[in-house]
PDB file of N, CA and C in Angstrom:
ATOM      1  N   UNK A   1      79.928  84.864  86.574  1.00  0.00           N
ATOM      2  CA  UNK A   1      78.981  85.515  86.999  1.00  0.00           C
ATOM      3  C   UNK A   1      79.287  86.052  88.680  1.00  0.00           C
ATOM      4  N   UNK A   2      79.399  87.043  88.806  1.00  0.00           N
ATOM      5  CA  UNK A   2      79.087  87.816  90.092  1.00  0.00           C
ATOM      6  C   UNK A   2      77.560  88.564  90.530  1.00  0.00           C
ATOM      7  N   UNK A   3      77.107  88.461  91.187  1.00  0.00           N
ATOM      8  CA  UNK A   3      75.793  88.814  91.733  1.00  0.00           C
ATOM      9  C   UNK A   3      75.961  90.252  92.124  1.00  0.00           C
ATOM     10  N   UNK A   4      75.523  91.318  91.583  1.00  0.00           N
ATOM     11  CA  UNK A   4      75.964  92.352  92.235  1.00  0.00           C
ATOM     12  C   UNK A   4      74.507  93.114  92.846  1.00  0.00           C
ATOM     13  N   UNK A   5      75.278  93.653  94.140  1.00  0.00           N
ATOM     14  CA  UNK A   5      73.084  94.186  94.493  1.00  0.00           C
ATOM     15  C   UNK A   5      73.097  95.706  94.035  1.00  0.00           C
ATOM     16  N   UNK A   6      72.494  96.325  94.728  1.00  0.00           N
ATOM     17  CA  UNK A   6      73.007  98.340  94.364  1.00  0.00           C
ATOM     18  C   UNK A   6      74.029  98.711  94.925  1.00  0.00           C
ATOM     19  N   UNK A   7      74.378  99.426  94.397  1.00  0.00           N
ATOM     20  CA  UNK A   7      75.412 100.321  95.173  1.00  0.00           C
ATOM     21  C   UNK A   7      75.310 101.055  96.266  1.00  0.00           C
ATOM     22  N   UNK A   8      76.265 100.792  96.898  1.00  0.00           N
ATOM     23  CA  UNK A   8      76.505 101.614  98.030  1.00  0.00           C
ATOM     24  C   UNK A   8      75.368 101.321  99.501  1.00  0.00           C
ATOM     25  N   UNK A   9      74.801 100.556  99.243  1.00  0.00           N
ATOM     26  CA  UNK A   9      73.705  99.809 100.242  1.00  0.00           C
ATOM     27  C   UNK A   9      74.158  98.609 101.346  1.00  0.00           C
ATOM     28  N   UNK A  10      75.187  98.406 100.709  1.00  0.00           N
ATOM     29  CA  UNK A  10      75.605  97.483 101.854  1.00  0.00           C
ATOM     30  C   UNK A  10      76.301  97.564 103.653  1.00  0.00           C
ATOM     31  N   UNK A  11      75.932  96.889 104.341  1.00  0.00           N
ATOM     32  CA  UNK A  11      76.571  97.426 105.787  1.00  0.00           C
ATOM     33  C   UNK A  11      77.543  97.266 106.511  1.00  0.00           C
ATOM     34  N   UNK A  12      78.953  95.864 105.557  1.00  0.00           N
ATOM     35  CA  UNK A  12      79.733  95.588 105.709  1.00  0.00           C
ATOM     36  C   UNK A  12      80.638  97.438 106.327  1.00  0.00           C
ATOM     37  N   UNK A  13      81.361  97.216 106.732  1.00  0.00           N
ATOM     38  CA  UNK A  13      82.743  97.681 107.272  1.00  0.00           C
ATOM     39  C   UNK A  13      83.883  96.916 107.528  1.00  0.00           C
ATOM     40  N   UNK A  14      84.933  97.756 106.679  1.00  0.00           N
ATOM     41  CA  UNK A  14      85.879  96.444 107.367  1.00  0.00           C
ATOM     42  C   UNK A  14      86.754  97.836 107.798  1.00  0.00           C
ATOM     43  N   UNK A  15      87.671  97.786 108.519  1.00  0.00           N
ATOM     44  CA  UNK A  15      88.973  98.348 109.428  1.00  0.00           C
ATOM     45  C   UNK A  15      90.077  97.872 109.583  1.00  0.00           C
ATOM     46  N   UNK A  16      90.769  98.031 107.864  1.00  0.00           N
ATOM     47  CA  UNK A  16      92.054  97.590 107.798  1.00  0.00           C
ATOM     48  C   UNK A  16      93.491  98.120 109.144  1.00  0.00           C
ATOM     49  N   UNK A  17      93.496  98.899 109.590  1.00  0.00           N
ATOM     50  CA  UNK A  17      94.174  98.260 110.690  1.00  0.00           C
ATOM     51  C   UNK A  17      93.659  97.806 112.044  1.00  0.00           C
ATOM     52  N   UNK A  18      93.093  97.002 111.577  1.00  0.00           N
ATOM     53  CA  UNK A  18      92.853  96.159 112.886  1.00  0.00           C
ATOM     54  C   UNK A  18      92.894  94.850 112.330  1.00  0.00           C
ATOM     55  N   UNK A  19      93.097  94.799 111.333  1.00  0.00           N
ATOM     56  CA  UNK A  19      93.279  93.273 110.617  1.00  0.00           C
ATOM     57  C   UNK A  19      94.686  92.894 110.781  1.00  0.00           C
ATOM     58  N   UNK A  20      95.280  91.601 111.552  1.00  0.00           N
ATOM     59  CA  UNK A  20      96.629  91.430 112.352  1.00  0.00           C
ATOM     60  C   UNK A  20      96.307  89.854 110.616  1.00  0.00           C
ATOM     61  N   UNK A  21      95.907  89.963 109.585  1.00  0.00           N
ATOM     62  CA  UNK A  21      96.205  88.811 108.537  1.00  0.00           C
ATOM     63  C   UNK A  21      95.831  87.567 108.549  1.00  0.00           C
ATOM     64  N   UNK A  22      95.103  87.105 109.980  1.00  0.00           N
ATOM     65  CA  UNK A  22      95.275  85.830 109.544  1.00  0.00           C
ATOM     66  C   UNK A  22      93.964  84.969 108.554  1.00  0.00           C
ATOM     67  N   UNK A  23      93.426  85.592 107.722  1.00  0.00           N
ATOM     68  CA  UNK A  23      93.129  85.055 106.775  1.00  0.00           C
ATOM     69  C   UNK A  23      91.272  84.115 107.082  1.00  0.00           C
ATOM     70  N   UNK A  24      90.851  84.700 107.902  1.00  0.00           N
ATOM     71  CA  UNK A  24      89.676  83.807 108.254  1.00  0.00           C
ATOM     72  C   UNK A  24      88.658  84.418 107.006  1.00  0.00           C
ATOM     73  N   UNK A  25      88.759  85.614 106.985  1.00  0.00           N
ATOM     74  CA  UNK A  25      87.699  86.299 106.097  1.00  0.00           C
ATOM     75  C   UNK A  25      87.467  85.576 105.109  1.00  0.00           C
ATOM     76  N   UNK A  26      88.685  85.423 104.489  1.00  0.00           N
ATOM     77  CA  UNK A  26      89.373  85.086 102.590  1.00  0.00           C
ATOM     78  C   UNK A  26      88.558  83.768 102.600  1.00  0.00           C
ATOM     79  N   UNK A  27      88.647  82.735 103.878  1.00  0.00           N
ATOM     80  CA  UNK A  27      88.572  81.618 104.026  1.00  0.00           C
ATOM     81  C   UNK A  27      86.915  81.676 103.492  1.00  0.00           C
ATOM     82  N   UNK A  28      86.274  82.078 104.605  1.00  0.00           N
ATOM     83  CA  UNK A  28      84.893  81.852 104.691  1.00  0.00           C
ATOM     84  C   UNK A  28      83.919  82.857 103.796  1.00  0.00           C
ATOM     85  N   UNK A  29      84.219  83.991 103.161  1.00  0.00           N
ATOM     86  CA  UNK A  29      83.349  84.448 102.510  1.00  0.00           C
ATOM     87  C   UNK A  29      83.189  83.699 101.480  1.00  0.00           C
ATOM     88  N   UNK A  30      81.616  82.930 100.341  1.00  0.00           N
ATOM     89  CA  UNK A  30      80.938  83.325  99.797  1.00  0.00           C
ATOM     90  C   UNK A  30      81.802  83.654  98.195  1.00  0.00           C
ATOM     91  N   UNK A  31      81.691  85.128  98.414  1.00  0.00           N
ATOM     92  CA  UNK A  31      81.642  85.916  97.042  1.00  0.00           C
ATOM     93  C   UNK A  31      83.480  86.008  97.026  1.00  0.00           C
ATOM     94  N   UNK A  32      84.063  85.769  97.909  1.00  0.00           N
ATOM     95  CA  UNK A  32      85.623  86.324  97.743  1.00  0.00           C
ATOM     96  C   UNK A  32      86.026  87.911  98.161  1.00  0.00           C
ATOM     97  N   UNK A  33      85.389  88.420  98.366  1.00  0.00           N
ATOM     98  CA  UNK A  33      85.503  89.695  98.928  1.00  0.00           C
ATOM     99  C   UNK A  33      86.364  89.814  99.444  1.00  0.00           C
ATOM    100  N   UNK A  34      87.197  89.014 100.369  1.00  0.00           N
ATOM    101  CA  UNK A  34      88.279  88.926 100.798  1.00  0.00           C
ATOM    102  C   UNK A  34      89.853  88.884 100.216  1.00  0.00           C
ATOM    103  N   UNK A  35      90.553  89.194  99.865  1.00  0.00           N
ATOM    104  CA  UNK A  35      91.856  88.605  99.435  1.00  0.00           C
ATOM    105  C   UNK A  35      93.114  89.004 100.254  1.00  0.00           C
ATOM    106  N   UNK A  36      94.317  88.057 100.755  1.00  0.00           N
ATOM    107  CA  UNK A  36      95.353  88.468 101.530  1.00  0.00           C
ATOM    108  C   UNK A  36      96.113  88.768 100.393  1.00  0.00           C
ATOM    109  N   UNK A  37      96.824  90.179 100.949  1.00  0.00           N
ATOM    110  CA  UNK A  37      98.328  90.400 100.280  1.00  0.00           C
ATOM    111  C   UNK A  37      99.225  91.086 101.270  1.00  0.00           C
ATOM    112  N   UNK A  38      99.934  91.031 101.192  1.00  0.00           N
ATOM    113  CA  UNK A  38     100.732  91.995 101.868  1.00  0.00           C
ATOM    114  C   UNK A  38     100.700  91.422 103.846  1.00  0.00           C
ATOM    115  N   UNK A  39     100.156  90.853 104.046  1.00  0.00           N
ATOM    116  CA  UNK A  39      99.906  90.173 105.307  1.00  0.00           C
ATOM    117  C   UNK A  39      98.360  90.743 105.909  1.00  0.00           C
ATOM    118  N   UNK A  40      97.876  91.002 104.738  1.00  0.00           N
ATOM    119  CA  UNK A  40      96.700  92.359 105.427  1.00  0.00           C
ATOM    120  C   UNK A  40      95.268  91.606 104.270  1.00  0.00           C
ATOM    121  N   UNK A  41      94.380  91.777 104.906  1.00  0.00           N
ATOM    122  CA  UNK A  41      93.464  91.604 104.617  1.00  0.00           C
ATOM    123  C   UNK A  41      92.897  92.971 103.509  1.00  0.00           C
ATOM    124  N   UNK A  42      92.433  92.269 101.624  1.00  0.00           N
ATOM    125  CA  UNK A  42      92.233  93.562 101.082  1.00  0.00           C
ATOM    126  C   UNK A  42      90.730  93.332 100.926  1.00  0.00           C
ATOM    127  N   UNK A  43      89.602  94.420 100.442  1.00  0.00           N
ATOM    128  CA  UNK A  43      88.061  94.235 100.312  1.00  0.00           C
ATOM    129  C   UNK A  43      88.105  94.346  98.770  1.00  0.00           C
ATOM    130  N   UNK A  44      87.852  93.376  98.179  1.00  0.00           N
ATOM    131  CA  UNK A  44      87.554  93.552  96.475  1.00  0.00           C
ATOM    132  C   UNK A  44      86.651  94.422  96.161  1.00  0.00           C
ATOM    133  N   UNK A  45      85.515  93.946  96.260  1.00  0.00           N
ATOM    134  CA  UNK A  45      84.388  94.937  95.467  1.00  0.00           C
ATOM    135  C   UNK A  45      83.261  95.245  97.060  1.00  0.00           C
ATOM    136  N   UNK A  46      82.856  95.777  97.585  1.00  0.00           N
ATOM    137  CA  UNK A  46      82.019  95.734  98.868  1.00  0.00           C
ATOM    138  C   UNK A  46      80.958  95.303  98.502  1.00  0.00           C
ATOM    139  N   UNK A  47      80.388  95.750  96.725  1.00  0.00           N
ATOM    140  CA  UNK A  47      78.927  95.632  96.606  1.00  0.00           C
ATOM    141  C   UNK A  47      79.005  94.618  96.577  1.00  0.00           C
ATOM    142  N   UNK A  48      79.468  93.640  96.111  1.00  0.00           N
ATOM    143  CA  UNK A  48      79.179  92.090  96.010  1.00  0.00           C
ATOM    144  C   UNK A  48      78.513  91.201  97.404  1.00  0.00           C
ATOM    145  N   UNK A  49      79.200  92.081  98.227  1.00  0.00           N
ATOM    146  CA  UNK A  49      78.572  91.058 100.059  1.00  0.00           C
ATOM    147  C   UNK A  49      76.869  91.019 100.209  1.00  0.00           C
ATOM    148  N   UNK A  50      76.699  89.967 100.715  1.00  0.00           N
ATOM    149  CA  UNK A  50      75.137  89.089 100.586  1.00  0.00           C
ATOM    150  C   UNK A  50      75.097  89.457 101.653  1.00  0.00           C
ATOM    151  N   UNK A  51      76.072  89.744 102.925  1.00  0.00           N
ATOM    152  CA  UNK A  51      75.819  90.417 104.412  1.00  0.00           C
ATOM    153  C   UNK A  51      75.222  89.097 105.169  1.00  0.00           C
ATOM    154  N   UNK A  52      76.000  87.761 104.401  1.00  0.00           N
ATOM    155  CA  UNK A  52      75.880  86.679 105.351  1.00  0.00           C
ATOM    156  C   UNK A  52      76.282  86.957 106.978  1.00  0.00           C
ATOM    157  N   UNK A  53      77.677  87.708 107.301  1.00  0.00           N
ATOM    158  CA  UNK A  53      78.089  87.575 108.524  1.00  0.00           C
ATOM    159  C   UNK A  53      78.994  86.815 108.783  1.00  0.00           C
ATOM    160  N   UNK A  54      79.261  86.211 107.914  1.00  0.00           N
ATOM    161  CA  UNK A  54      80.513  84.849 108.150  1.00  0.00           C
ATOM    162  C   UNK A  54      82.098  85.008 108.695  1.00  0.00           C
ATOM    163  N   UNK A  55      81.935  86.543 107.555  1.00  0.00           N
ATOM    164  CA  UNK A  55      83.729  87.330 107.681  1.00  0.00           C
ATOM    165  C   UNK A  55      83.731  88.011 109.193  1.00  0.00           C
ATOM    166  N   UNK A  56      82.643  88.549 110.078  1.00  0.00           N
ATOM    167  CA  UNK A  56      82.676  89.131 111.198  1.00  0.00           C
ATOM    168  C   UNK A  56      82.474  87.929 111.632  1.00  0.00           C
ATOM    169  N   UNK A  57      82.083  87.332 111.656  1.00  0.00           N
ATOM    170  CA  UNK A  57      81.605  86.262 113.018  1.00  0.00           C
ATOM    171  C   UNK A  57      82.863  85.346 113.373  1.00  0.00           C
ATOM    172  N   UNK A  58      84.150  85.220 112.248  1.00  0.00           N
ATOM    173  CA  UNK A  58      85.295  84.811 111.948  1.00  0.00           C
ATOM    174  C   UNK A  58      86.231  85.422 112.633  1.00  0.00           C
ATOM    175  N   UNK A  59      85.806  86.832 112.519  1.00  0.00           N
ATOM    176  CA  UNK A  59      86.984  87.304 112.669  1.00  0.00           C
ATOM    177  C   UNK A  59      87.068  87.997 114.037  1.00  0.00           C
ATOM    178  N   UNK A  60      88.490  87.548 114.572  1.00  0.00           N
ATOM    179  CA  UNK A  60      88.596  87.773 116.187  1.00  0.00           C
ATOM    180  C   UNK A  60      89.244  88.840 116.279  1.00  0.00           C
ATOM    181  N   UNK A  61      89.362  89.747 115.318  1.00  0.00           N
ATOM    182  CA  UNK A  61      89.891  91.304 115.746  1.00  0.00           C
ATOM    183  C   UNK A  61      89.437  92.479 115.657  1.00  0.00           C
ATOM    184  N   UNK A  62      87.922  92.080 115.366  1.00  0.00           N
ATOM    185  CA  UNK A  62      86.884  93.378 115.288  1.00  0.00           C
ATOM    186  C   UNK A  62      87.077  94.212 114.487  1.00  0.00           C
ATOM    187  N   UNK A  63      87.818  93.653 113.615  1.00  0.00           N
ATOM    188  CA  UNK A  63      88.639  94.665 111.788  1.00  0.00           C
ATOM    189  C   UNK A  63      86.840  94.403 111.204  1.00  0.00           C
ATOM    190  N   UNK A  64      85.625  93.360 111.339  1.00  0.00           N
ATOM    191  CA  UNK A  64      84.492  93.818 110.616  1.00  0.00           C
ATOM    192  C   UNK A  64      83.579  93.772 111.221  1.00  0.00           C
ATOM    193  N   UNK A  65      82.524  94.632 110.520  1.00  0.00           N
ATOM    194  CA  UNK A  65      81.242  94.991 110.956  1.00  0.00           C
ATOM    195  C   UNK A  65      80.597  94.667 109.965  1.00  0.00           C
ATOM    196  N   UNK A  66      79.226  94.071 109.774  1.00  0.00           N
ATOM    197  CA  UNK A  66      78.050  93.744 108.860  1.00  0.00           C
ATOM    198  C   UNK A  66      76.835  92.956 109.487  1.00  0.00           C
ATOM    199  N   UNK A  67      75.749  93.504 109.684  1.00  0.00           N
ATOM    200  CA  UNK A  67      74.502  93.816 109.462  1.00  0.00           C
ATOM    201  C   UNK A  67      73.821  92.248 108.622  1.00  0.00           C
ATOM    202  N   UNK A  68      74.181  90.930 109.734  1.00  0.00           N
ATOM    203  CA  UNK A  68      73.446  90.035 109.106  1.00  0.00           C
ATOM    204  C   UNK A  68      72.409  90.385 108.276  1.00  0.00           C
ATOM    205  N   UNK A  69      71.650  89.513 106.845  1.00  0.00           N
ATOM    206  CA  UNK A  69      70.229  89.249 106.961  1.00  0.00           C
ATOM    207  C   UNK A  69      69.846  87.440 106.453  1.00  0.00           C
ATOM    208  N   UNK A  70      69.486  88.003 105.289  1.00  0.00           N
ATOM    209  CA  UNK A  70      68.980  86.338 104.895  1.00  0.00           C
ATOM    210  C   UNK A  70      70.135  86.055 103.825  1.00  0.00           C
ATOM    211  N   UNK A  71      71.297  85.988 103.799  1.00  0.00           N
ATOM    212  CA  UNK A  71      72.443  86.274 103.157  1.00  0.00           C
ATOM    213  C   UNK A  71      73.153  84.620 103.533  1.00  0.00           C
ATOM    214  N   UNK A  72      72.690  84.831 104.784  1.00  0.00           N
ATOM    215  CA  UNK A  72      73.406  83.469 105.562  1.00  0.00           C
ATOM    216  C   UNK A  72      72.779  82.262 104.842  1.00  0.00           C
ATOM    217  N   UNK A  73      71.689  82.298 104.144  1.00  0.00           N
ATOM    218  CA  UNK A  73      71.347  81.521 104.093  1.00  0.00           C
ATOM    219  C   UNK A  73      72.263  80.905 102.088  1.00  0.00           C
ATOM    220  N   UNK A  74      71.874  81.835 101.649  1.00  0.00           N
ATOM    221  CA  UNK A  74      72.777  81.980 100.470  1.00  0.00           C
ATOM    222  C   UNK A  74      73.929  81.254 100.769  1.00  0.00           C
ATOM    223  N   UNK A  75      74.392  81.571 101.514  1.00  0.00           N
ATOM    224  CA  UNK A  75      76.329  81.436 101.634  1.00  0.00           C
ATOM    225  C   UNK A  75      76.531  79.631 102.517  1.00  0.00           C
ATOM    226  N   UNK A  76      75.625  79.700 103.043  1.00  0.00           N
ATOM    227  CA  UNK A  76      75.907  78.232 103.242  1.00  0.00           C
ATOM    228  C   UNK A  76      75.192  77.211 102.202  1.00  0.00           C
ATOM    229  N   UNK A  77      74.371  77.902 101.371  1.00  0.00           N
ATOM    230  CA  UNK A  77      74.369  77.055  99.609  1.00  0.00           C
ATOM    231  C   UNK A  77      75.732  77.337  98.689  1.00  0.00           C
ATOM    232  N   UNK A  78      75.865  77.980  98.593  1.00  0.00           N
ATOM    233  CA  UNK A  78      77.044  77.918  97.370  1.00  0.00           C
ATOM    234  C   UNK A  78      78.195  77.336  98.621  1.00  0.00           C
ATOM    235  N   UNK A  79      77.963  77.631  99.784  1.00  0.00           N
ATOM    236  CA  UNK A  79      79.958  76.589 100.459  1.00  0.00           C
ATOM    237  C   UNK A  79      79.119  75.657 100.291  1.00  0.00           C
ATOM    238  N   UNK A  80      78.367  74.567  99.987  1.00  0.00           N
ATOM    239  CA  UNK A  80      78.367  73.466 100.081  1.00  0.00           C
ATOM    240  C   UNK A  80      78.195  73.155  98.749  1.00  0.00           C
ATOM    241  N   UNK A  81      77.250  74.030  97.456  1.00  0.00           N
ATOM    242  CA  UNK A  81      77.797  73.383  96.319  1.00  0.00           C
ATOM    243  C   UNK A  81      79.283  73.715  95.471  1.00  0.00           C
ATOM    244  N   UNK A  82      80.287  74.854  96.193  1.00  0.00           N
ATOM    245  CA  UNK A  82      81.727  74.660  95.806  1.00  0.00           C
ATOM    246  C   UNK A  82      82.064  73.615  96.306  1.00  0.00           C
ATOM    247  N   UNK A  83      81.791  73.251  97.400  1.00  0.00           N
ATOM    248  CA  UNK A  83      82.684  72.276  98.558  1.00  0.00           C
ATOM    249  C   UNK A  83      83.360  72.853  99.328  1.00  0.00           C
ATOM    250  N   UNK A  84      83.155  74.071  99.494  1.00  0.00           N
ATOM    251  CA  UNK A  84      84.025  74.867 100.685  1.00  0.00           C
ATOM    252  C   UNK A  84      83.624  74.640 101.960  1.00  0.00           C
ATOM    253  N   UNK A  85      83.890  74.807 103.151  1.00  0.00           N
ATOM    254  CA  UNK A  85      83.659  75.020 104.910  1.00  0.00           C
ATOM    255  C   UNK A  85      82.384  75.591 104.756  1.00  0.00           C
ATOM    256  N   UNK A  86      81.443  75.341 105.366  1.00  0.00           N
ATOM    257  CA  UNK A  86      79.658  75.806 105.703  1.00  0.00           C
ATOM    258  C   UNK A  86      80.284  77.214 106.891  1.00  0.00           C
ATOM    259  N   UNK A  87      80.412  78.565 106.277  1.00  0.00           N
ATOM    260  CA  UNK A  87      80.211  79.832 106.960  1.00  0.00           C
ATOM    261  C   UNK A  87      79.666  79.837 108.118  1.00  0.00           C
ATOM    262  N   UNK A  88      80.436  80.475 109.225  1.00  0.00           N
ATOM    263  CA  UNK A  88      79.362  80.468 110.245  1.00  0.00           C
ATOM    264  C   UNK A  88      78.819  82.153 110.814  1.00  0.00           C
ATOM    265  N   UNK A  89      77.598  81.774 110.380  1.00  0.00           N
ATOM    266  CA  UNK A  89      77.092  83.331 110.436  1.00  0.00           C
ATOM    267  C   UNK A  89      75.445  83.065 111.604  1.00  0.00           C
ATOM    268  N   UNK A  90      75.049  84.109 111.241  1.00  0.00           N
ATOM    269  CA  UNK A  90      73.594  84.214 112.252  1.00  0.00           C
ATOM    270  C   UNK A  90      72.303  84.133 111.011  1.00  0.00           C
TER     271      UNK A  90
END
């Protein structure tokens, strides 16, 4: 089950033309919003974003913008529960 929030209210913005395909966003996103396809990240479902900011903080190419909020605490907990590395978020 995926958590869905209100549609079209997420502050997440992704500029695929700036993506270099490093895959960091796909590694750190606790809801797996980013997948790697043809050496570029693809955003799967923007409305699943919890606005933790991990993707933006780990993108060295300024391809992702998001206004982080309380989602960071949630992202840390989910990463710990799933045994994934903790995201770097605000």
